[in-house]
Protein backbone atom coordinates (compact mmCIF):
# COMPACT_ATOMS: atom_id res chain seq x y z
CA UNK A 1 -11.62 26.73 -4.25
CA UNK A 2 -15.14 26.27 -3.78
CA UNK A 3 -16.99 22.27 -3.66
CA UNK A 4 -18.84 23.83 -6.90
CA UNK A 5 -15.47 24.58 -9.06
CA UNK A 6 -14.18 20.95 -7.57
CA UNK A 7 -17.21 18.70 -9.07
CA UNK A 8 -16.91 21.27 -12.70
CA UNK A 9 -13.33 20.39 -12.32
CA UNK A 10 -14.05 17.00 -11.80
CA UNK A 11 -16.50 17.38 -15.03
CA UNK A 12 -13.79 17.67 -17.75
CA UNK A 13 -11.73 15.85 -16.09
CA UNK A 14 -14.35 13.49 -16.31
CA UNK A 15 -14.86 13.71 -20.44
CA UNK A 16 -11.44 12.00 -20.31
CA UNK A 17 -13.13 9.16 -19.55
CA UNK A 18 -16.22 9.11 -21.92
CA UNK A 19 -16.39 7.21 -24.99
CA UNK A 20 -14.79 10.44 -27.25
CA UNK A 21 -12.26 10.05 -25.28
CA UNK A 22 -11.00 6.44 -25.27
CA UNK A 23 -7.97 6.18 -25.97
CA UNK A 24 -7.19 7.44 -22.72
CA UNK A 25 -5.88 5.96 -20.51
CA UNK A 26 -4.43 8.37 -18.41
CA UNK A 27 -2.92 12.00 -18.47
CA UNK A 28 -0.68 14.48 -17.28
CA UNK A 29 -0.86 18.02 -17.98
CA UNK A 30 0.31 21.82 -16.79
CA UNK A 31 -2.92 24.31 -16.66
CA UNK A 32 -3.75 27.57 -16.38
CA UNK A 33 -7.35 28.22 -15.10
CA UNK A 34 -8.31 31.48 -15.78
CA UNK A 35 -11.47 32.64 -14.53
CA UNK A 36 -13.25 36.10 -16.26
CA UNK A 37 -15.64 37.80 -13.02
CA UNK A 38 -17.98 39.75 -13.78
CA UNK A 39 -16.48 43.58 -12.96
CA UNK A 40 -13.70 42.96 -15.34
CA UNK A 41 -12.20 40.66 -12.09
CA UNK A 42 -9.68 38.38 -13.36
CA UNK A 43 -7.88 35.20 -11.48
CA UNK A 44 -5.36 33.24 -12.78
CA UNK A 45 -4.41 29.76 -10.98
CA UNK A 46 -1.72 27.60 -12.74
CA UNK A 47 -0.66 23.97 -11.69
CA UNK A 48 -0.19 20.60 -12.84
CA UNK A 49 -3.47 18.36 -13.19
CA UNK A 50 -2.33 14.00 -13.36
CA UNK A 51 -5.54 11.72 -14.67
CA UNK A 52 -5.60 7.31 -14.56
CA UNK A 53 -8.06 5.38 -15.00
CA UNK A 54 -11.21 5.21 -13.73
CA UNK A 55 -11.79 8.64 -11.65
CA UNK A 56 -8.13 9.15 -10.22
CA UNK A 57 -7.03 12.76 -10.31
CA UNK A 58 -5.24 15.66 -8.91
CA UNK A 59 -4.39 18.31 -8.94
CA UNK A 60 -1.67 20.61 -7.77
CA UNK A 61 -2.40 24.20 -8.13
CA UNK A 62 1.13 26.40 -7.52
CA UNK A 63 0.28 29.83 -8.59
CA UNK A 64 -1.57 32.11 -7.05
CA UNK A 65 -1.68 30.07 -4.40
CA UNK A 66 -0.50 26.02 -3.86
CA UNK A 67 -3.54 23.78 -3.04
CA UNK A 68 -3.71 20.27 -3.94
CA UNK A 69 -7.31 19.17 -4.95
CA UNK A 70 -8.12 14.94 -4.34
CA UNK A 71 -10.85 13.62 -6.52
CA UNK A 72 -11.75 10.40 -6.55
CA UNK A 73 -15.15 7.95 -7.77
CA UNK A 74 -16.39 8.26 -3.95
CA UNK A 75 -14.75 12.11 -1.83
CA UNK A 76 -12.56 14.53 -2.75
CA UNK A 77 -9.83 16.43 -0.73
CA UNK A 78 -8.66 19.67 -0.86
CA UNK A 79 -5.35 20.48 1.13
CA UNK A 80 -4.34 23.76 1.64
CA UNK A 81 -1.43 23.73 3.41
CA UNK A 82 -0.42 27.61 3.49
CA UNK A 83 -3.62 27.52 6.38
CA UNK A 84 -2.75 23.69 7.89
CA UNK A 85 -5.93 22.09 6.46
CA UNK A 86 -8.36 20.07 4.33
CA UNK A 87 -11.72 20.03 3.25
CA UNK A 88 -12.73 16.56 2.59
CA UNK A 89 -16.27 15.99 1.34
CA UNK A 90 -18.05 12.66 -0.30
CA UNK A 91 -18.33 13.15 -4.29
CA UNK A 92 -21.54 13.87 -4.81
CA UNK A 93 -23.12 10.38 -7.21
CA UNK A 94 -26.19 11.95 -8.46
CA UNK A 95 -23.52 14.35 -10.14
CA UNK A 96 -22.35 11.56 -12.83
CA UNK A 97 -20.56 13.26 -15.58
CA UNK A 98 -19.06 10.30 -16.60
CA UNK A 99 -22.23 9.71 -18.52
CA UNK A 100 -23.25 13.24 -19.75
CA UNK A 101 -19.83 13.93 -21.21
CA UNK A 102 -20.06 10.04 -23.04
CA UNK A 103 -22.65 12.16 -24.48
CA UNK A 104 -20.91 15.14 -25.68
CA UNK A 105 -21.63 15.77 -29.27
CA UNK A 106 -18.55 17.12 -31.62
CA UNK A 107 -19.21 19.98 -33.28
CA UNK A 108 -15.82 20.36 -35.08
CA UNK A 109 -13.07 17.55 -35.58
CA UNK A 110 -11.25 19.41 -32.73
CA UNK A 111 -14.25 20.62 -30.43
CA UNK A 112 -16.63 18.72 -28.97
CA UNK A 113 -19.88 19.70 -26.87
CA UNK A 114 -22.11 18.93 -24.31
CA UNK A 115 -24.55 20.29 -22.17
CA UNK A 116 -24.55 19.69 -18.15
CA UNK A 117 -26.47 20.92 -15.78
CA UNK A 118 -27.73 24.16 -17.10
CA UNK A 119 -24.39 24.74 -18.65
CA UNK A 120 -22.59 25.22 -21.80
CA UNK A 121 -18.50 22.93 -21.95
CA UNK A 122 -16.82 23.41 -25.27
CA UNK A 123 -13.74 20.74 -24.68
CA UNK A 124 -11.03 21.52 -28.05
CA UNK A 125 -8.52 18.80 -28.46
CA UNK A 126 -4.80 19.17 -30.33
CA UNK A 127 -3.03 15.87 -31.23
CA UNK A 128 -5.89 13.74 -29.36
CA UNK A 129 -6.19 15.49 -26.57
CA UNK A 130 -8.44 17.85 -24.67
CA UNK A 131 -5.87 22.06 -25.12
CA UNK A 132 -8.96 24.11 -23.71
CA UNK A 133 -11.76 23.75 -22.03
CA UNK A 134 -14.72 26.95 -21.89
CA UNK A 135 -18.18 27.01 -20.40
CA UNK A 136 -19.79 29.62 -17.66
CA UNK A 137 -20.24 28.85 -14.27
CA UNK A 138 -23.63 29.35 -12.33
CA UNK A 139 -21.71 32.49 -11.34
CA UNK A 140 -21.65 34.25 -14.38
CA UNK A 141 -18.27 34.00 -14.48
CA UNK A 142 -16.78 32.81 -17.54
CA UNK A 143 -13.63 30.27 -17.09
CA UNK A 144 -11.26 28.75 -19.44
CA UNK A 145 -8.76 25.98 -18.65
CA UNK A 146 -5.85 25.50 -20.83
CA UNK A 147 -3.12 22.70 -20.97
CA UNK A 148 1.01 22.24 -22.11
CA UNK A 149 3.05 20.38 -22.05
CA UNK A 150 0.23 17.25 -22.41
CA UNK A 151 1.46 13.83 -22.05
CA UNK A 152 -1.40 11.26 -22.89
CA UNK A 153 -1.03 6.91 -21.37
CA UNK A 154 2.12 7.69 -19.77
CA UNK A 155 3.29 5.42 -17.13
CA UNK A 156 1.20 7.37 -13.25
CA UNK A 157 1.72 5.82 -10.14
CA UNK A 158 -1.16 5.17 -8.57
CA UNK A 159 0.26 6.11 -5.27
CA UNK A 160 0.40 9.61 -6.11
CA UNK A 161 -3.67 9.98 -5.56
CA UNK A 162 -3.22 9.15 -2.27
CA UNK A 163 -2.19 11.88 0.75
CA UNK A 164 -1.86 11.16 3.96
CA UNK A 165 -3.00 14.12 6.44
CA UNK A 166 -1.20 15.18 8.87
CA UNK A 167 -1.97 15.30 12.87
CA UNK A 168 -1.72 19.11 13.41
CA UNK A 169 -3.91 19.55 9.88
CA UNK A 170 -7.26 21.38 10.79
CA UNK A 171 -9.86 17.60 9.06
CA UNK A 172 -13.30 20.22 7.79
CA UNK A 173 -16.35 17.03 7.05
CA UNK A 174 -18.69 18.64 4.60
């Protein structure tokens, strides 16, 4: 997954902590991320997401590859066990999505719209929790992230957001 996609995913995750979603302190769900690229090429990722205020996020991809993406207020850590590598980068604070999603506008009872860096995000709620987000990325890929088995405001230990890099893994810093 490219750094841009990680930032876009963070954008979605950050919306959970905006004014429109203040009742959500933490969040756990299964997800399916479908990316419809040009020329009818589709990629589907599946996994599980964990979020905890203020900005701890873990995306655990299980299919078609295993990968974990750890995000906090200052860094992004992408762990690819099959490649025995870790991509470590500083989170770009200039892209403060929390403030932008705080301003997401309600367009229907369960639908919100946000405009961020020339991208429109449509966020759908079901039972007061996000069930789907759709957007078209800067490469004209249509992205849909759907959530199932959503649980909010449950106990999520902070330790789940920590990762110790094995000594034999390659570390790539961006």
